[in-house]
Amino acid sequence: MAQNVDKIVIAGVAIATLVLSLVKLRRDDFERARQLHESLTTGEVAEARHVVGSAFESAGAGDQVHLEQPEQIQAFFIVLWCFERIDVARDTLLGRWSWLPDWINPRRLLDRGIQTHVTIYSNYLRRAHVNGVPLVDRLTGTPKDAGLRRLQDRIAPASK
């Protein structure tokens, strides 16, 4: 009888340890999602978004925008690289928590936080030209292959 009690206690401790580890990991991933969103909305990236946004918002809706100043081109790439970092980190969150319902999934929090930004910059990427050539062609050859476009396609369900 004592051996059975010992086995039950050991199993209970193991289950409790596993549950607590998963809770901590999920909490850490929620913090990671928050940090990724913050990296897009503060600091150097926020300053770059202002530079790029000023160039695009002063143009007519849907018009091509020719980024000619080195500051504008650099700013555009700072934002694109931030999206690239977010996309890579998002894969980690997606794989680890794909079995969780959306309302408690850290990836869903991230997707909702960045969706508008991704949509805006996908629009900017389609309209951006450098030295007369569409920027998306310089990056990938086709708009479909652009990392930002891929991210937009992947998070589209977040709006539903």
C-alpha atoms as a PDB file:
ATOM      1  CA  MET A   1       0.000   0.000   0.000  1.00  0.00           C
ATOM      2  CA  ALA A   2       2.814   2.422   0.892  1.00  0.00           C
ATOM      3  CA  GLN A   3       4.451   1.741  -2.471  1.00  0.00           C
ATOM      4  CA  ASN A   4       1.228   2.663  -4.281  1.00  0.00           C
ATOM      5  CA  VAL A   5       0.969   5.906  -2.325  1.00  0.00           C
ATOM      6  CA  ASP A   6       4.597   6.709  -3.178  1.00  0.00           C
ATOM      7  CA  LYS A   7       3.924   6.079  -6.883  1.00  0.00           C
ATOM      8  CA  ILE A   8       0.829   8.279  -6.796  1.00  0.00           C
ATOM      9  CA  VAL A   9       2.730  11.085  -5.065  1.00  0.00           C
ATOM     10  CA  ILE A  10       5.609  10.829  -7.541  1.00  0.00           C
ATOM     11  CA  ALA A  11       3.180  10.856 -10.492  1.00  0.00           C
ATOM     12  CA  GLY A  12       1.346  13.841  -8.988  1.00  0.00           C
ATOM     13  CA  VAL A  13       4.579  15.772  -8.527  1.00  0.00           C
ATOM     14  CA  ALA A  14       5.628  14.968 -12.100  1.00  0.00           C
ATOM     15  CA  ILE A  15       2.275  16.130 -13.501  1.00  0.00           C
ATOM     16  CA  ALA A  16       2.314  19.294 -11.380  1.00  0.00           C
ATOM     17  CA  THR A  17       5.868  20.042 -12.535  1.00  0.00           C
ATOM     18  CA  LEU A  18       4.880  19.556 -16.173  1.00  0.00           C
ATOM     19  CA  VAL A  19       1.811  21.791 -15.847  1.00  0.00           C
ATOM     20  CA  LEU A  20       3.767  24.529 -14.073  1.00  0.00           C
ATOM     21  CA  SER A  21       6.503  24.361 -16.716  1.00  0.00           C
ATOM     22  CA  LEU A  22       3.955  24.736 -19.518  1.00  0.00           C
ATOM     23  CA  VAL A  23       2.274  27.652 -17.748  1.00  0.00           C
ATOM     24  CA  LYS A  24       5.640  29.406 -17.324  1.00  0.00           C
ATOM     25  CA  LEU A  25       6.631  28.725 -20.932  1.00  0.00           C
ATOM     26  CA  ARG A  26       3.326  30.124 -22.205  1.00  0.00           C
ATOM     27  CA  ARG A  27       3.670  33.193 -19.979  1.00  0.00           C
ATOM     28  CA  ASP A  28       7.214  33.696 -21.306  1.00  0.00           C
ATOM     29  CA  ASP A  29       5.926  33.384 -24.873  1.00  0.00           C
ATOM     30  CA  PHE A  30       3.221  35.982 -24.202  1.00  0.00           C
ATOM     31  CA  GLU A  31       5.987  38.287 -22.995  1.00  0.00           C
ATOM     32  CA  ARG A  32       7.991  37.479 -26.140  1.00  0.00           C
ATOM     33  CA  ALA A  33       4.958  38.350 -28.310  1.00  0.00           C
ATOM     34  CA  ARG A  34       4.606  41.637 -26.428  1.00  0.00           C
ATOM     35  CA  GLN A  35       8.302  42.411 -26.925  1.00  0.00           C
ATOM     36  CA  LEU A  36       8.086  41.676 -30.644  1.00  0.00           C
ATOM     37  CA  HIS A  37       5.152  44.056 -30.993  1.00  0.00           C
ATOM     38  CA  GLU A  38       7.042  46.644 -28.971  1.00  0.00           C
ATOM     39  CA  SER A  39      10.081  46.297 -31.249  1.00  0.00           C
ATOM     40  CA  LEU A  40       7.857  47.382 -34.145  1.00  0.00           C
ATOM     41  CA  THR A  41       6.329  50.352 -32.335  1.00  0.00           C
ATOM     42  CA  THR A  42       9.198  51.940 -30.406  1.00  0.00           C
ATOM     43  CA  GLY A  43      12.792  53.096 -30.750  1.00  0.00           C
ATOM     44  CA  GLU A  44      14.697  52.998 -34.015  1.00  0.00           C
ATOM     45  CA  VAL A  45      11.902  51.178 -35.837  1.00  0.00           C
ATOM     46  CA  ALA A  46       9.298  53.744 -34.760  1.00  0.00           C
ATOM     47  CA  GLU A  47      11.558  56.533 -35.997  1.00  0.00           C
ATOM     48  CA  ALA A  48      12.051  54.682 -39.298  1.00  0.00           C
ATOM     49  CA  ARG A  49       8.293  54.152 -39.608  1.00  0.00           C
ATOM     50  CA  HIS A  50       7.830  57.903 -39.240  1.00  0.00           C
ATOM     51  CA  VAL A  51      10.321  58.634 -42.029  1.00  0.00           C
ATOM     52  CA  VAL A  52       8.724  56.085 -44.352  1.00  0.00           C
ATOM     53  CA  GLY A  53       5.178  57.020 -43.411  1.00  0.00           C
ATOM     54  CA  SER A  54       5.868  60.672 -44.149  1.00  0.00           C
ATOM     55  CA  ALA A  55       7.031  59.804 -47.668  1.00  0.00           C
ATOM     56  CA  PHE A  56       4.008  57.625 -48.401  1.00  0.00           C
ATOM     57  CA  GLU A  57       1.321  59.665 -46.705  1.00  0.00           C
ATOM     58  CA  SER A  58       2.334  62.794 -48.605  1.00  0.00           C
ATOM     59  CA  ALA A  59       1.720  60.937 -51.891  1.00  0.00           C
ATOM     60  CA  GLY A  60      -1.714  60.233 -53.261  1.00  0.00           C
ATOM     61  CA  ALA A  61      -3.429  57.016 -52.254  1.00  0.00           C
ATOM     62  CA  GLY A  62      -2.131  54.213 -54.433  1.00  0.00           C
ATOM     63  CA  ASP A  63       0.494  56.400 -56.159  1.00  0.00           C
ATOM     64  CA  GLN A  64       4.010  55.127 -56.685  1.00  0.00           C
ATOM     65  CA  VAL A  65       6.476  56.554 -54.203  1.00  0.00           C
ATOM     66  CA  HIS A  66      10.065  57.060 -55.280  1.00  0.00           C
ATOM     67  CA  LEU A  67      12.386  56.728 -52.314  1.00  0.00           C
ATOM     68  CA  GLU A  68      15.337  58.848 -53.327  1.00  0.00           C
ATOM     69  CA  GLN A  69      16.876  60.006 -50.093  1.00  0.00           C
ATOM     70  CA  PRO A  70      19.257  57.527 -48.420  1.00  0.00           C
ATOM     71  CA  GLU A  71      17.471  58.162 -45.117  1.00  0.00           C
ATOM     72  CA  GLN A  72      14.171  56.973 -46.629  1.00  0.00           C
ATOM     73  CA  ILE A  73      15.684  53.839 -48.120  1.00  0.00           C
ATOM     74  CA  GLN A  74      17.508  52.985 -44.908  1.00  0.00           C
ATOM     75  CA  ALA A  75      14.342  53.587 -42.873  1.00  0.00           C
ATOM     76  CA  PHE A  76      12.316  51.311 -45.146  1.00  0.00           C
ATOM     77  CA  PHE A  77      14.833  48.500 -44.664  1.00  0.00           C
ATOM     78  CA  ILE A  78      14.935  48.987 -40.891  1.00  0.00           C
ATOM     79  CA  VAL A  79      11.199  48.331 -40.824  1.00  0.00           C
ATOM     80  CA  LEU A  80      11.440  45.378 -43.239  1.00  0.00           C
ATOM     81  CA  TRP A  81      14.160  43.759 -41.115  1.00  0.00           C
ATOM     82  CA  CYS A  82      11.960  44.169 -38.050  1.00  0.00           C
ATOM     83  CA  PHE A  83       9.158  42.333 -39.860  1.00  0.00           C
ATOM     84  CA  GLU A  84      11.638  39.615 -40.790  1.00  0.00           C
ATOM     85  CA  ARG A  85      12.647  39.154 -37.136  1.00  0.00           C
ATOM     86  CA  ILE A  86       8.997  39.033 -36.114  1.00  0.00           C
ATOM     87  CA  ASP A  87       8.228  36.437 -38.778  1.00  0.00           C
ATOM     88  CA  VAL A  88      11.013  34.139 -37.591  1.00  0.00           C
ATOM     89  CA  ALA A  89       9.965  34.459 -33.950  1.00  0.00           C
ATOM     90  CA  ARG A  90       6.317  33.946 -34.929  1.00  0.00           C
ATOM     91  CA  ASP A  91       7.213  30.512 -36.321  1.00  0.00           C
ATOM     92  CA  THR A  92       8.468  29.512 -32.872  1.00  0.00           C
ATOM     93  CA  LEU A  93       5.259  30.666 -31.234  1.00  0.00           C
ATOM     94  CA  LEU A  94       3.125  29.005 -33.904  1.00  0.00           C
ATOM     95  CA  GLY A  95       4.814  25.632 -33.640  1.00  0.00           C
ATOM     96  CA  ARG A  96       4.833  25.498 -29.888  1.00  0.00           C
ATOM     97  CA  TRP A  97       1.230  26.540 -29.264  1.00  0.00           C
ATOM     98  CA  SER A  98      -0.647  25.449 -32.386  1.00  0.00           C
ATOM     99  CA  TRP A  99      -2.793  23.130 -30.267  1.00  0.00           C
ATOM    100  CA  LEU A 100      -4.080  25.973 -28.055  1.00  0.00           C
ATOM    101  CA  PRO A 101      -7.312  27.798 -28.816  1.00  0.00           C
ATOM    102  CA  ASP A 102      -6.766  31.297 -30.212  1.00  0.00           C
ATOM    103  CA  TRP A 103      -7.950  33.130 -27.107  1.00  0.00           C
ATOM    104  CA  ILE A 104      -5.022  31.772 -25.061  1.00  0.00           C
ATOM    105  CA  ASN A 105      -2.456  31.546 -27.855  1.00  0.00           C
ATOM    106  CA  PRO A 106       0.557  33.939 -27.736  1.00  0.00           C
ATOM    107  CA  ARG A 107       0.831  33.854 -31.542  1.00  0.00           C
ATOM    108  CA  ARG A 108      -2.700  35.198 -31.833  1.00  0.00           C
ATOM    109  CA  LEU A 109      -1.790  38.139 -29.584  1.00  0.00           C
ATOM    110  CA  LEU A 110       1.197  38.923 -31.788  1.00  0.00           C
ATOM    111  CA  ASP A 111      -0.797  38.587 -35.005  1.00  0.00           C
ATOM    112  CA  ARG A 112      -3.497  40.935 -33.787  1.00  0.00           C
ATOM    113  CA  GLY A 113      -0.928  43.486 -32.653  1.00  0.00           C
ATOM    114  CA  ILE A 114       0.983  43.635 -35.924  1.00  0.00           C
ATOM    115  CA  GLN A 115      -1.799  43.048 -38.468  1.00  0.00           C
ATOM    116  CA  THR A 116      -2.451  46.715 -39.271  1.00  0.00           C
ATOM    117  CA  HIS A 117       1.270  47.462 -39.519  1.00  0.00           C
ATOM    118  CA  VAL A 118       1.829  44.525 -41.879  1.00  0.00           C
ATOM    119  CA  THR A 119      -1.077  45.611 -44.077  1.00  0.00           C
ATOM    120  CA  ILE A 120       0.200  49.191 -44.288  1.00  0.00           C
ATOM    121  CA  TYR A 121       3.767  48.157 -45.095  1.00  0.00           C
ATOM    122  CA  SER A 122       2.643  45.575 -47.656  1.00  0.00           C
ATOM    123  CA  ASN A 123       0.855  48.446 -49.387  1.00  0.00           C
ATOM    124  CA  TYR A 124       3.980  50.602 -49.103  1.00  0.00           C
ATOM    125  CA  LEU A 125       6.131  47.793 -50.495  1.00  0.00           C
ATOM    126  CA  ARG A 126       3.911  47.488 -53.580  1.00  0.00           C
ATOM    127  CA  ARG A 127       4.175  51.255 -54.181  1.00  0.00           C
ATOM    128  CA  ALA A 128       7.865  51.807 -53.329  1.00  0.00           C
ATOM    129  CA  HIS A 129      10.400  52.477 -56.084  1.00  0.00           C
ATOM    130  CA  VAL A 130      14.146  53.032 -55.803  1.00  0.00           C
ATOM    131  CA  ASN A 131      15.998  54.418 -58.813  1.00  0.00           C
ATOM    132  CA  GLY A 132      12.877  53.884 -60.922  1.00  0.00           C
ATOM    133  CA  VAL A 133      12.612  50.165 -60.122  1.00  0.00           C
ATOM    134  CA  PRO A 134       9.921  48.669 -57.879  1.00  0.00           C
ATOM    135  CA  LEU A 135      11.562  47.889 -54.546  1.00  0.00           C
ATOM    136  CA  VAL A 136       9.812  44.536 -54.282  1.00  0.00           C
ATOM    137  CA  ASP A 137      11.500  43.456 -57.545  1.00  0.00           C
ATOM    138  CA  ARG A 138      14.890  44.417 -56.143  1.00  0.00           C
ATOM    139  CA  LEU A 139      14.197  42.359 -53.033  1.00  0.00           C
ATOM    140  CA  THR A 140      12.713  39.176 -54.428  1.00  0.00           C
ATOM    141  CA  GLY A 141      11.972  39.213 -58.107  1.00  0.00           C
ATOM    142  CA  THR A 142       8.227  38.866 -57.525  1.00  0.00           C
ATOM    143  CA  PRO A 143       5.802  40.403 -55.045  1.00  0.00           C
ATOM    144  CA  LYS A 144       4.589  36.929 -54.039  1.00  0.00           C
ATOM    145  CA  ASP A 145       8.016  36.012 -52.667  1.00  0.00           C
ATOM    146  CA  ALA A 146       8.464  39.117 -50.540  1.00  0.00           C
ATOM    147  CA  GLY A 147       8.915  38.246 -46.877  1.00  0.00           C
ATOM    148  CA  LEU A 148       6.516  40.973 -45.819  1.00  0.00           C
ATOM    149  CA  ARG A 149       3.866  39.701 -48.243  1.00  0.00           C
ATOM    150  CA  ARG A 150       4.352  36.190 -46.873  1.00  0.00           C
ATOM    151  CA  LEU A 151       3.879  37.486 -43.346  1.00  0.00           C
ATOM    152  CA  GLN A 152       0.718  39.305 -44.399  1.00  0.00           C
ATOM    153  CA  ASP A 153      -0.696  36.142 -45.965  1.00  0.00           C
ATOM    154  CA  ARG A 154       0.162  34.098 -42.881  1.00  0.00           C
ATOM    155  CA  ILE A 155      -1.476  36.426 -40.366  1.00  0.00           C
ATOM    156  CA  ALA A 156      -4.568  37.255 -42.429  1.00  0.00           C
ATOM    157  CA  PRO A 157      -6.695  34.879 -40.321  1.00  0.00           C
ATOM    158  CA  ALA A 158      -5.946  37.059 -37.258  1.00  0.00           C
ATOM    159  CA  SER A 159      -8.486  39.577 -38.495  1.00  0.00           C
ATOM    160  CA  LYS A 160     -11.288  37.024 -38.410  1.00  0.00           C
END
